Amino acid sequence: MPRSVNSVASRARRKRILELAKGFFGRKKNVWTVAKNAVEKGLVYAYRDRKAKKRDFRALWIARINAGARMHGMSYSQFMGKIKTAGIDLNRKVLADLAMNHPEAFEAVVKKLT
């Protein structure tokens, strides 16, 4: 009995990887073994950085809130503590947007705390 290799599935598998490698530089886009390694590495980076992006944005929001709070004579931790005790349920993303783009609204929030 002849050996069955299922070249259709093999080709489809290679084609899928090479499509993911589209836009890569040099041999990474068209040589199977190089492209496979590059795509696998890229997918690892994508998974890792989806998590890192959340951390990066939270750090950015905290920096912006801190800058806005310090303009009103408070530190970030004092501001967030007063926000919690006052029962104002605004998350860091919204507070950072207010501090950055709507300083008068942020000032109104600060005035509510005092």
PDB file of N, CA and C in Angstrom:
ATOM      1  N   MET A   1       0.845  -1.183   0.000  1.00  0.00           N
ATOM      2  CA  MET A   1       0.000   0.000   0.000  1.00  0.00           C
ATOM      3  C   MET A   1       0.886   1.239   0.000  1.00  0.00           C
ATOM      4  N   PRO A   2       0.596   2.199  -0.875  1.00  0.00           N
ATOM      5  CA  PRO A   2       1.446   3.386  -0.941  1.00  0.00           C
ATOM      6  C   PRO A   2       1.271   4.295   0.284  1.00  0.00           C
ATOM      7  N   ARG A   3       2.326   5.039   0.547  1.00  0.00           N
ATOM      8  CA  ARG A   3       2.310   5.959   1.690  1.00  0.00           C
ATOM      9  C   ARG A   3       1.460   7.179   1.339  1.00  0.00           C
ATOM     10  N   SER A   4       0.622   7.610   2.281  1.00  0.00           N
ATOM     11  CA  SER A   4      -0.223   8.783   2.076  1.00  0.00           C
ATOM     12  C   SER A   4       0.397   9.959   2.835  1.00  0.00           C
ATOM     13  N   VAL A   5       0.599  11.059   2.141  1.00  0.00           N
ATOM     14  CA  VAL A   5       1.266  12.193   2.771  1.00  0.00           C
ATOM     15  C   VAL A   5       0.362  13.405   2.962  1.00  0.00           C
ATOM     16  N   ASN A   6      -0.801  13.400   2.353  1.00  0.00           N
ATOM     17  CA  ASN A   6      -1.768  14.501   2.492  1.00  0.00           C
ATOM     18  C   ASN A   6      -1.124  15.852   2.210  1.00  0.00           C
ATOM     19  N   SER A   7      -0.644  16.010   1.001  1.00  0.00           N
ATOM     20  CA  SER A   7       0.039  17.248   0.633  1.00  0.00           C
ATOM     21  C   SER A   7      -0.888  18.454   0.638  1.00  0.00           C
ATOM     22  N   VAL A   8      -2.187  18.234   0.493  1.00  0.00           N
ATOM     23  CA  VAL A   8      -3.136  19.354   0.523  1.00  0.00           C
ATOM     24  C   VAL A   8      -3.103  20.031   1.891  1.00  0.00           C
ATOM     25  N   ALA A   9      -3.163  19.237   2.948  1.00  0.00           N
ATOM     26  CA  ALA A   9      -3.147  19.785   4.304  1.00  0.00           C
ATOM     27  C   ALA A   9      -1.798  20.419   4.622  1.00  0.00           C
ATOM     28  N   SER A  10      -0.707  19.771   4.164  1.00  0.00           N
ATOM     29  CA  SER A  10       0.632  20.308   4.408  1.00  0.00           C
ATOM     30  C   SER A  10       0.791  21.672   3.751  1.00  0.00           C
ATOM     31  N   ARG A  11       0.333  21.758   2.506  1.00  0.00           N
ATOM     32  CA  ARG A  11       0.442  23.023   1.774  1.00  0.00           C
ATOM     33  C   ARG A  11      -0.405  24.103   2.442  1.00  0.00           C
ATOM     34  N   ALA A  12      -1.595  23.724   2.892  1.00  0.00           N
ATOM     35  CA  ALA A  12      -2.478  24.698   3.551  1.00  0.00           C
ATOM     36  C   ALA A  12      -1.831  25.228   4.828  1.00  0.00           C
ATOM     37  N   ARG A  13      -1.162  24.323   5.565  1.00  0.00           N
ATOM     38  CA  ARG A  13      -0.498  24.724   6.795  1.00  0.00           C
ATOM     39  C   ARG A  13       0.624  25.720   6.503  1.00  0.00           C
ATOM     40  N   ARG A  14       1.430  25.409   5.492  1.00  0.00           N
ATOM     41  CA  ARG A  14       2.515  26.323   5.115  1.00  0.00           C
ATOM     42  C   ARG A  14       1.976  27.647   4.592  1.00  0.00           C
ATOM     43  N   LYS A  15       0.903  27.569   3.813  1.00  0.00           N
ATOM     44  CA  LYS A  15       0.315  28.783   3.241  1.00  0.00           C
ATOM     45  C   LYS A  15      -0.201  29.716   4.345  1.00  0.00           C
ATOM     46  N   ARG A  16      -0.805  29.119   5.374  1.00  0.00           N
ATOM     47  CA  ARG A  16      -1.339  29.914   6.482  1.00  0.00           C
ATOM     48  C   ARG A  16      -0.213  30.673   7.187  1.00  0.00           C
ATOM     49  N   ILE A  17       0.901  30.011   7.422  1.00  0.00           N
ATOM     50  CA  ILE A  17       2.048  30.659   8.077  1.00  0.00           C
ATOM     51  C   ILE A  17       2.627  31.752   7.186  1.00  0.00           C
ATOM     52  N   LEU A  18       2.767  31.456   5.886  1.00  0.00           N
ATOM     53  CA  LEU A  18       3.350  32.447   4.976  1.00  0.00           C
ATOM     54  C   LEU A  18       2.434  33.661   4.803  1.00  0.00           C
ATOM     55  N   GLU A  19       1.129  33.454   4.925  1.00  0.00           N
ATOM     56  CA  GLU A  19       0.223  34.610   4.880  1.00  0.00           C
ATOM     57  C   GLU A  19       0.392  35.473   6.128  1.00  0.00           C
ATOM     58  N   LEU A  20       0.619  34.842   7.268  1.00  0.00           N
ATOM     59  CA  LEU A  20       0.873  35.610   8.494  1.00  0.00           C
ATOM     60  C   LEU A  20       2.191  36.378   8.412  1.00  0.00           C
ATOM     61  N   ALA A  21       3.134  35.855   7.606  1.00  0.00           N
ATOM     62  CA  ALA A  21       4.453  36.490   7.472  1.00  0.00           C
ATOM     63  C   ALA A  21       4.461  37.582   6.418  1.00  0.00           C
ATOM     64  N   LYS A  22       3.326  37.842   5.786  1.00  0.00           N
ATOM     65  CA  LYS A  22       3.278  38.869   4.746  1.00  0.00           C
ATOM     66  C   LYS A  22       3.689  40.219   5.335  1.00  0.00           C
ATOM     67  N   GLY A  23       4.586  40.906   4.670  1.00  0.00           N
ATOM     68  CA  GLY A  23       5.062  42.197   5.143  1.00  0.00           C
ATOM     69  C   GLY A  23       6.349  42.115   5.930  1.00  0.00           C
ATOM     70  N   PHE A  24       6.800  40.910   6.265  1.00  0.00           N
ATOM     71  CA  PHE A  24       8.074  40.766   6.947  1.00  0.00           C
ATOM     72  C   PHE A  24       9.201  41.063   5.969  1.00  0.00           C
ATOM     73  N   PHE A  25      10.399  41.325   6.489  1.00  0.00           N
ATOM     74  CA  PHE A  25      11.525  41.736   5.657  1.00  0.00           C
ATOM     75  C   PHE A  25      12.394  40.545   5.285  1.00  0.00           C
ATOM     76  N   GLY A  26      12.850  40.555   4.042  1.00  0.00           N
ATOM     77  CA  GLY A  26      13.829  39.563   3.589  1.00  0.00           C
ATOM     78  C   GLY A  26      13.258  38.165   3.528  1.00  0.00           C
ATOM     79  N   ARG A  27      14.069  37.184   3.944  1.00  0.00           N
ATOM     80  CA  ARG A  27      13.662  35.787   3.857  1.00  0.00           C
ATOM     81  C   ARG A  27      12.555  35.431   4.838  1.00  0.00           C
ATOM     82  N   LYS A  28      12.314  36.296   5.802  1.00  0.00           N
ATOM     83  CA  LYS A  28      11.272  36.009   6.788  1.00  0.00           C
ATOM     84  C   LYS A  28       9.890  35.941   6.153  1.00  0.00           C
ATOM     85  N   LYS A  29       9.736  36.498   4.975  1.00  0.00           N
ATOM     86  CA  LYS A  29       8.411  36.510   4.367  1.00  0.00           C
ATOM     87  C   LYS A  29       8.167  35.368   3.400  1.00  0.00           C
ATOM     88  N   ASN A  30       9.227  34.675   2.899  1.00  0.00           N
ATOM     89  CA  ASN A  30       8.972  33.685   1.863  1.00  0.00           C
ATOM     90  C   ASN A  30       9.727  32.367   2.006  1.00  0.00           C
ATOM     91  N   VAL A  31      10.594  32.235   2.989  1.00  0.00           N
ATOM     92  CA  VAL A  31      11.276  30.965   3.222  1.00  0.00           C
ATOM     93  C   VAL A  31      10.581  30.298   4.405  1.00  0.00           C
ATOM     94  N   TRP A  32      10.084  29.085   4.181  1.00  0.00           N
ATOM     95  CA  TRP A  32       9.210  28.419   5.139  1.00  0.00           C
ATOM     96  C   TRP A  32       9.792  28.353   6.541  1.00  0.00           C
ATOM     97  N   THR A  33      11.001  27.847   6.708  1.00  0.00           N
ATOM     98  CA  THR A  33      11.538  27.642   8.053  1.00  0.00           C
ATOM     99  C   THR A  33      11.791  28.970   8.768  1.00  0.00           C
ATOM    100  N   VAL A  34      12.286  29.944   8.019  1.00  0.00           N
ATOM    101  CA  VAL A  34      12.560  31.258   8.609  1.00  0.00           C
ATOM    102  C   VAL A  34      11.243  31.955   8.951  1.00  0.00           C
ATOM    103  N   ALA A  35      10.285  31.869   8.035  1.00  0.00           N
ATOM    104  CA  ALA A  35       8.985  32.512   8.252  1.00  0.00           C
ATOM    105  C   ALA A  35       8.260  31.885   9.441  1.00  0.00           C
ATOM    106  N   LYS A  36       8.343  30.575   9.569  1.00  0.00           N
ATOM    107  CA  LYS A  36       7.672  29.880  10.675  1.00  0.00           C
ATOM    108  C   LYS A  36       8.207  30.369  12.014  1.00  0.00           C
ATOM    109  N   ASN A  37       9.527  30.481  12.124  1.00  0.00           N
ATOM    110  CA  ASN A  37      10.137  30.976  13.364  1.00  0.00           C
ATOM    111  C   ASN A  37       9.734  32.418  13.642  1.00  0.00           C
ATOM    112  N   ALA A  38       9.739  33.243  12.597  1.00  0.00           N
ATOM    113  CA  ALA A  38       9.407  34.658  12.768  1.00  0.00           C
ATOM    114  C   ALA A  38       7.947  34.833  13.176  1.00  0.00           C
ATOM    115  N   VAL A  39       7.047  34.066  12.572  1.00  0.00           N
ATOM    116  CA  VAL A  39       5.626  34.174  12.898  1.00  0.00           C
ATOM    117  C   VAL A  39       5.371  33.692  14.320  1.00  0.00           C
ATOM    118  N   GLU A  40       5.994  32.587  14.712  1.00  0.00           N
ATOM    119  CA  GLU A  40       5.816  32.083  16.078  1.00  0.00           C
ATOM    120  C   GLU A  40       6.301  33.107  17.099  1.00  0.00           C
ATOM    121  N   LYS A  41       7.443  33.704  16.831  1.00  0.00           N
ATOM    122  CA  LYS A  41       7.990  34.724  17.730  1.00  0.00           C
ATOM    123  C   LYS A  41       7.061  35.935  17.775  1.00  0.00           C
ATOM    124  N   GLY A  42       6.549  36.325  16.607  1.00  0.00           N
ATOM    125  CA  GLY A  42       5.630  37.458  16.545  1.00  0.00           C
ATOM    126  C   GLY A  42       4.355  37.214  17.320  1.00  0.00           C
ATOM    127  N   LEU A  43       3.837  35.991  17.253  1.00  0.00           N
ATOM    128  CA  LEU A  43       2.623  35.667  17.997  1.00  0.00           C
ATOM    129  C   LEU A  43       2.879  35.669  19.504  1.00  0.00           C
ATOM    130  N   VAL A  44       4.072  35.261  19.912  1.00  0.00           N
ATOM    131  CA  VAL A  44       4.442  35.315  21.332  1.00  0.00           C
ATOM    132  C   VAL A  44       4.492  36.770  21.794  1.00  0.00           C
ATOM    133  N   TYR A  45       5.120  37.623  20.995  1.00  0.00           N
ATOM    134  CA  TYR A  45       5.180  39.048  21.336  1.00  0.00           C
ATOM    135  C   TYR A  45       3.778  39.649  21.398  1.00  0.00           C
ATOM    136  N   ALA A  46       2.907  39.274  20.456  1.00  0.00           N
ATOM    137  CA  ALA A  46       1.551  39.817  20.426  1.00  0.00           C
ATOM    138  C   ALA A  46       0.791  39.447  21.694  1.00  0.00           C
ATOM    139  N   TYR A  47       0.919  38.185  22.122  1.00  0.00           N
ATOM    140  CA  TYR A  47       0.236  37.732  23.334  1.00  0.00           C
ATOM    141  C   TYR A  47       0.763  38.481  24.554  1.00  0.00           C
ATOM    142  N   ARG A  48       2.089  38.574  24.649  1.00  0.00           N
ATOM    143  CA  ARG A  48       2.709  39.244  25.797  1.00  0.00           C
ATOM    144  C   ARG A  48       2.314  40.720  25.848  1.00  0.00           C
ATOM    145  N   ASP A  49       2.336  41.369  24.692  1.00  0.00           N
ATOM    146  CA  ASP A  49       2.132  42.813  24.680  1.00  0.00           C
ATOM    147  C   ASP A  49       0.671  43.217  24.795  1.00  0.00           C
ATOM    148  N   ARG A  50      -0.257  42.285  24.559  1.00  0.00           N
ATOM    149  CA  ARG A  50      -1.656  42.600  24.869  1.00  0.00           C
ATOM    150  C   ARG A  50      -1.816  42.799  26.372  1.00  0.00           C
ATOM    151  N   LYS A  51      -1.049  42.050  27.150  1.00  0.00           N
ATOM    152  CA  LYS A  51      -1.078  42.217  28.606  1.00  0.00           C
ATOM    153  C   LYS A  51      -0.308  43.479  29.017  1.00  0.00           C
ATOM    154  N   ALA A  52       0.841  43.703  28.397  1.00  0.00           N
ATOM    155  CA  ALA A  52       1.689  44.845  28.751  1.00  0.00           C
ATOM    156  C   ALA A  52       1.001  46.171  28.419  1.00  0.00           C
ATOM    157  N   LYS A  53       0.188  46.166  27.356  1.00  0.00           N
ATOM    158  CA  LYS A  53      -0.500  47.396  26.964  1.00  0.00           C
ATOM    159  C   LYS A  53      -1.410  47.889  28.082  1.00  0.00           C
ATOM    160  N   LYS A  54      -2.065  46.978  28.759  1.00  0.00           N
ATOM    161  CA  LYS A  54      -2.943  47.355  29.865  1.00  0.00           C
ATOM    162  C   LYS A  54      -2.147  48.011  30.997  1.00  0.00           C
ATOM    163  N   ARG A  55      -0.969  47.445  31.283  1.00  0.00           N
ATOM    164  CA  ARG A  55      -0.110  48.035  32.322  1.00  0.00           C
ATOM    165  C   ARG A  55       0.387  49.415  31.903  1.00  0.00           C
ATOM    166  N   ASP A  56       0.782  49.539  30.625  1.00  0.00           N
ATOM    167  CA  ASP A  56       1.313  50.810  30.131  1.00  0.00           C
ATOM    168  C   ASP A  56       0.261  51.915  30.204  1.00  0.00           C
ATOM    169  N   PHE A  57      -0.967  51.583  29.806  1.00  0.00           N
ATOM    170  CA  PHE A  57      -2.014  52.598  29.841  1.00  0.00           C
ATOM    171  C   PHE A  57      -2.358  52.996  31.270  1.00  0.00           C
ATOM    172  N   ARG A  58      -2.390  52.026  32.177  1.00  0.00           N
ATOM    173  CA  ARG A  58      -2.670  52.363  33.574  1.00  0.00           C
ATOM    174  C   ARG A  58      -1.596  53.298  34.126  1.00  0.00           C
ATOM    175  N   ALA A  59      -0.334  53.034  33.802  1.00  0.00           N
ATOM    176  CA  ALA A  59       0.760  53.910  34.249  1.00  0.00           C
ATOM    177  C   ALA A  59       0.612  55.313  33.665  1.00  0.00           C
ATOM    178  N   LEU A  60       0.200  55.391  32.399  1.00  0.00           N
ATOM    179  CA  LEU A  60      -0.012  56.695  31.757  1.00  0.00           C
ATOM    180  C   LEU A  60      -1.138  57.462  32.442  1.00  0.00           C
ATOM    181  N   TRP A  61      -2.249  56.759  32.717  1.00  0.00           N
ATOM    182  CA  TRP A  61      -3.376  57.412  33.387  1.00  0.00           C
ATOM    183  C   TRP A  61      -2.978  57.919  34.759  1.00  0.00           C
ATOM    184  N   ILE A  62      -2.210  57.130  35.496  1.00  0.00           N
ATOM    185  CA  ILE A  62      -1.783  57.537  36.833  1.00  0.00           C
ATOM    186  C   ILE A  62      -0.899  58.774  36.757  1.00  0.00           C
ATOM    187  N   ALA A  63       0.003  58.814  35.777  1.00  0.00           N
ATOM    188  CA  ALA A  63       0.885  59.983  35.613  1.00  0.00           C
ATOM    189  C   ALA A  63       0.073  61.239  35.309  1.00  0.00           C
ATOM    190  N   ARG A  64      -0.944  61.099  34.461  1.00  0.00           N
ATOM    191  CA  ARG A  64      -1.772  62.261  34.108  1.00  0.00           C
ATOM    192  C   ARG A  64      -2.621  62.733  35.284  1.00  0.00           C
ATOM    193  N   ILE A  65      -3.172  61.794  36.033  1.00  0.00           N
ATOM    194  CA  ILE A  65      -3.966  62.174  37.212  1.00  0.00           C
ATOM    195  C   ILE A  65      -3.072  62.836  38.247  1.00  0.00           C
ATOM    196  N   ASN A  66      -1.868  62.306  38.425  1.00  0.00           N
ATOM    197  CA  ASN A  66      -0.916  62.881  39.375  1.00  0.00           C
ATOM    198  C   ASN A  66      -0.575  64.317  38.995  1.00  0.00           C
ATOM    199  N   ALA A  67      -0.338  64.549  37.708  1.00  0.00           N
ATOM    200  CA  ALA A  67      -0.019  65.907  37.247  1.00  0.00           C
ATOM    201  C   ALA A  67      -1.193  66.855  37.506  1.00  0.00           C
ATOM    202  N   GLY A  68      -2.398  66.385  37.215  1.00  0.00           N
ATOM    203  CA  GLY A  68      -3.581  67.217  37.448  1.00  0.00           C
ATOM    204  C   GLY A  68      -3.808  67.481  38.925  1.00  0.00           C
ATOM    205  N   ALA A  69      -3.604  66.467  39.766  1.00  0.00           N
ATOM    206  CA  ALA A  69      -3.812  66.627  41.200  1.00  0.00           C
ATOM    207  C   ALA A  69      -2.788  67.582  41.794  1.00  0.00           C
ATOM    208  N   ARG A  70      -1.554  67.492  41.343  1.00  0.00           N
ATOM    209  CA  ARG A  70      -0.499  68.365  41.878  1.00  0.00           C
ATOM    210  C   ARG A  70      -0.727  69.827  41.508  1.00  0.00           C
ATOM    211  N   MET A  71      -1.418  70.066  40.409  1.00  0.00           N
ATOM    212  CA  MET A  71      -1.762  71.455  40.061  1.00  0.00           C
ATOM    213  C   MET A  71      -2.736  72.053  41.075  1.00  0.00           C
ATOM    214  N   HIS A  72      -3.408  71.170  41.820  1.00  0.00           N
ATOM    215  CA  HIS A  72      -4.360  71.616  42.828  1.00  0.00           C
ATOM    216  C   HIS A  72      -3.863  71.328  44.236  1.00  0.00           C
ATOM    217  N   GLY A  73      -2.545  71.120  44.388  1.00  0.00           N
ATOM    218  CA  GLY A  73      -1.930  70.983  45.700  1.00  0.00           C
ATOM    219  C   GLY A  73      -2.125  69.637  46.383  1.00  0.00           C
ATOM    220  N   MET A  74      -2.320  68.590  45.601  1.00  0.00           N
ATOM    221  CA  MET A  74      -2.501  67.253  46.158  1.00  0.00           C
ATOM    222  C   MET A  74      -1.594  66.271  45.442  1.00  0.00           C
ATOM    223  N   SER A  75      -1.223  65.213  46.135  1.00  0.00           N
ATOM    224  CA  SER A  75      -0.505  64.144  45.464  1.00  0.00           C
ATOM    225  C   SER A  75      -1.530  63.160  44.889  1.00  0.00           C
ATOM    226  N   TYR A  76      -1.052  62.255  44.077  1.00  0.00           N
ATOM    227  CA  TYR A  76      -1.934  61.251  43.470  1.00  0.00           C
ATOM    228  C   TYR A  76      -2.623  60.400  44.533  1.00  0.00           C
ATOM    229  N   SER A  77      -1.844  59.953  45.525  1.00  0.00           N
ATOM    230  CA  SER A  77      -2.419  59.059  46.536  1.00  0.00           C
ATOM    231  C   SER A  77      -3.450  59.788  47.402  1.00  0.00           C
ATOM    232  N   GLN A  78      -3.178  61.040  47.732  1.00  0.00           N
ATOM    233  CA  GLN A  78      -4.154  61.822  48.499  1.00  0.00           C
ATOM    234  C   GLN A  78      -5.438  62.004  47.693  1.00  0.00           C
ATOM    235  N   PHE A  79      -5.263  62.329  46.414  1.00  0.00           N
ATOM    236  CA  PHE A  79      -6.412  62.546  45.530  1.00  0.00           C
ATOM    237  C   PHE A  79      -7.268  61.291  45.417  1.00  0.00           C
ATOM    238  N   MET A  80      -6.635  60.150  45.178  1.00  0.00           N
ATOM    239  CA  MET A  80      -7.382  58.910  45.004  1.00  0.00           C
ATOM    240  C   MET A  80      -8.050  58.483  46.316  1.00  0.00           C
ATOM    241  N   GLY A  81      -7.379  58.737  47.432  1.00  0.00           N
ATOM    242  CA  GLY A  81      -7.994  58.426  48.729  1.00  0.00           C
ATOM    243  C   GLY A  81      -9.242  59.249  48.966  1.00  0.00           C
ATOM    244  N   LYS A  82      -9.168  60.537  48.650  1.00  0.00           N
ATOM    245  CA  LYS A  82     -10.331  61.420  48.834  1.00  0.00           C
ATOM    246  C   LYS A  82     -11.458  61.076  47.864  1.00  0.00           C
ATOM    247  N   ILE A  83     -11.092  60.674  46.658  1.00  0.00           N
ATOM    248  CA  ILE A  83     -12.103  60.257  45.661  1.00  0.00           C
ATOM    249  C   ILE A  83     -12.890  59.062  46.205  1.00  0.00           C
ATOM    250  N   LYS A  84     -12.176  58.091  46.791  1.00  0.00           N
ATOM    251  CA  LYS A  84     -12.835  56.885  47.306  1.00  0.00           C
ATOM    252  C   LYS A  84     -13.749  57.229  48.486  1.00  0.00           C
ATOM    253  N   THR A  85     -13.261  58.054  49.415  1.00  0.00           N
ATOM    254  CA  THR A  85     -14.073  58.387  50.594  1.00  0.00           C
ATOM    255  C   THR A  85     -15.272  59.260  50.219  1.00  0.00           C
ATOM    256  N   ALA A  86     -15.128  60.083  49.177  1.00  0.00           N
ATOM    257  CA  ALA A  86     -16.236  60.926  48.733  1.00  0.00           C
ATOM    258  C   ALA A  86     -17.270  60.117  47.950  1.00  0.00           C
ATOM    259  N   GLY A  87     -16.911  58.900  47.560  1.00  0.00           N
ATOM    260  CA  GLY A  87     -17.861  58.052  46.840  1.00  0.00           C
ATOM    261  C   GLY A  87     -18.012  58.410  45.372  1.00  0.00           C
ATOM    262  N   ILE A  88     -16.996  59.053  44.820  1.00  0.00           N
ATOM    263  CA  ILE A  88     -17.026  59.402  43.389  1.00  0.00           C
ATOM    264  C   ILE A  88     -16.499  58.200  42.613  1.00  0.00           C
ATOM    265  N   ASP A  89     -17.351  57.607  41.784  1.00  0.00           N
ATOM    266  CA  ASP A  89     -16.983  56.390  41.058  1.00  0.00           C
ATOM    267  C   ASP A  89     -16.546  56.719  39.630  1.00  0.00           C
ATOM    268  N   LEU A  90     -15.397  57.341  39.516  1.00  0.00           N
ATOM    269  CA  LEU A  90     -14.788  57.583  38.201  1.00  0.00           C
ATOM    270  C   LEU A  90     -13.507  56.765  38.141  1.00  0.00           C
ATOM    271  N   ASN A  91     -13.330  56.006  37.065  1.00  0.00           N
ATOM    272  CA  ASN A  91     -12.116  55.202  36.952  1.00  0.00           C
ATOM    273  C   ASN A  91     -10.940  56.052  36.495  1.00  0.00           C
ATOM    274  N   ARG A  92      -9.763  55.471  36.513  1.00  0.00           N
ATOM    275  CA  ARG A  92      -8.544  56.213  36.193  1.00  0.00           C
ATOM    276  C   ARG A  92      -8.538  56.710  34.756  1.00  0.00           C
ATOM    277  N   LYS A  93      -9.112  55.934  33.859  1.00  0.00           N
ATOM    278  CA  LYS A  93      -9.148  56.344  32.448  1.00  0.00           C
ATOM    279  C   LYS A  93      -9.933  57.644  32.289  1.00  0.00           C
ATOM    280  N   VAL A  94     -11.092  57.734  32.931  1.00  0.00           N
ATOM    281  CA  VAL A  94     -11.933  58.930  32.840  1.00  0.00           C
ATOM    282  C   VAL A  94     -11.264  60.102  33.551  1.00  0.00           C
ATOM    283  N   LEU A  95     -10.705  59.844  34.732  1.00  0.00           N
ATOM    284  CA  LEU A  95     -10.031  60.918  35.467  1.00  0.00           C
ATOM    285  C   LEU A  95      -8.842  61.475  34.685  1.00  0.00           C
ATOM    286  N   ALA A  96      -8.091  60.583  34.037  1.00  0.00           N
ATOM    287  CA  ALA A  96      -6.949  61.034  33.243  1.00  0.00           C
ATOM    288  C   ALA A  96      -7.412  61.871  32.060  1.00  0.00           C
ATOM    289  N   ASP A  97      -8.509  61.478  31.435  1.00  0.00           N
ATOM    290  CA  ASP A  97      -9.051  62.248  30.312  1.00  0.00           C
ATOM    291  C   ASP A  97      -9.505  63.628  30.782  1.00  0.00           C
ATOM    292  N   LEU A  98     -10.142  63.672  31.935  1.00  0.00           N
ATOM    293  CA  LEU A  98     -10.563  64.968  32.480  1.00  0.00           C
ATOM    294  C   LEU A  98      -9.356  65.849  32.793  1.00  0.00           C
ATOM    295  N   ALA A  99      -8.346  65.267  33.423  1.00  0.00           N
ATOM    296  CA  ALA A  99      -7.155  66.034  33.794  1.00  0.00           C
ATOM    297  C   ALA A  99      -6.436  66.568  32.566  1.00  0.00           C
ATOM    298  N   MET A 100      -6.421  65.787  31.503  1.00  0.00           N
ATOM    299  CA  MET A 100      -5.664  66.150  30.309  1.00  0.00           C
ATOM    300  C   MET A 100      -6.445  67.097  29.398  1.00  0.00           C
ATOM    301  N   ASN A 101      -7.702  66.760  29.118  1.00  0.00           N
ATOM    302  CA  ASN A 101      -8.452  67.460  28.076  1.00  0.00           C
ATOM    303  C   ASN A 101      -9.523  68.413  28.588  1.00  0.00           C
ATOM    304  N   HIS A 102      -9.949  68.241  29.841  1.00  0.00           N
ATOM    305  CA  HIS A 102     -11.004  69.090  30.403  1.00  0.00           C
ATOM    306  C   HIS A 102     -10.609  69.539  31.803  1.00  0.00           C
ATOM    307  N   PRO A 103      -9.605  70.429  31.905  1.00  0.00           N
ATOM    308  CA  PRO A 103      -9.107  70.813  33.244  1.00  0.00           C
ATOM    309  C   PRO A 103     -10.174  71.453  34.134  1.00  0.00           C
ATOM    310  N   GLU A 104     -11.142  72.147  33.532  1.00  0.00           N
ATOM    311  CA  GLU A 104     -12.194  72.775  34.348  1.00  0.00           C
ATOM    312  C   GLU A 104     -13.087  71.706  34.988  1.00  0.00           C
ATOM    313  N   ALA A 105     -13.354  70.641  34.286  1.00  0.00           N
ATOM    314  CA  ALA A 105     -14.140  69.540  34.857  1.00  0.00           C
ATOM    315  C   ALA A 105     -13.334  68.822  35.948  1.00  0.00           C
ATOM    316  N   PHE A 106     -12.042  68.658  35.728  1.00  0.00           N
ATOM    317  CA  PHE A 106     -11.189  68.032  36.742  1.00  0.00           C
ATOM    318  C   PHE A 106     -11.145  68.897  37.990  1.00  0.00           C
ATOM    319  N   GLU A 107     -11.085  70.215  37.778  1.00  0.00           N
ATOM    320  CA  GLU A 107     -11.081  71.143  38.919  1.00  0.00           C
ATOM    321  C   GLU A 107     -12.389  71.046  39.704  1.00  0.00           C
ATOM    322  N   ALA A 108     -13.490  70.832  39.002  1.00  0.00           N
ATOM    323  CA  ALA A 108     -14.778  70.664  39.682  1.00  0.00           C
ATOM    324  C   ALA A 108     -14.775  69.399  40.540  1.00  0.00           C
ATOM    325  N   VAL A 109     -14.155  68.345  40.059  1.00  0.00           N
ATOM    326  CA  VAL A 109     -14.037  67.108  40.851  1.00  0.00           C
ATOM    327  C   VAL A 109     -13.187  67.368  42.084  1.00  0.00           C
ATOM    328  N   VAL A 110     -12.096  68.114  41.923  1.00  0.00           N
ATOM    329  CA  VAL A 110     -11.216  68.426  43.062  1.00  0.00           C
ATOM    330  C   VAL A 110     -11.968  69.270  44.096  1.00  0.00           C
ATOM    331  N   LYS A 111     -12.776  70.217  43.619  1.00  0.00           N
ATOM    332  CA  LYS A 111     -13.544  71.073  44.538  1.00  0.00           C
ATOM    333  C   LYS A 111     -14.574  70.266  45.334  1.00  0.00           C
ATOM    334  N   LYS A 112     -15.093  69.196  44.737  1.00  0.00           N
ATOM    335  CA  LYS A 112     -16.039  68.323  45.442  1.00  0.00           C
ATOM    336  C   LYS A 112     -15.365  67.621  46.634  1.00  0.00           C
ATOM    337  N   LEU A 113     -14.055  67.436  46.531  1.00  0.00           N
ATOM    338  CA  LEU A 113     -13.323  66.703  47.571  1.00  0.00           C
ATOM    339  C   LEU A 113     -13.035  67.552  48.790  1.00  0.00           C
ATOM    340  N   THR A 114     -13.021  68.861  48.637  1.00  0.00           N
ATOM    341  CA  THR A 114     -12.661  69.733  49.769  1.00  0.00           C
ATOM    342  C   THR A 114     -13.862  70.349  50.434  1.00  0.00           C
TER     343      THR A 114
END
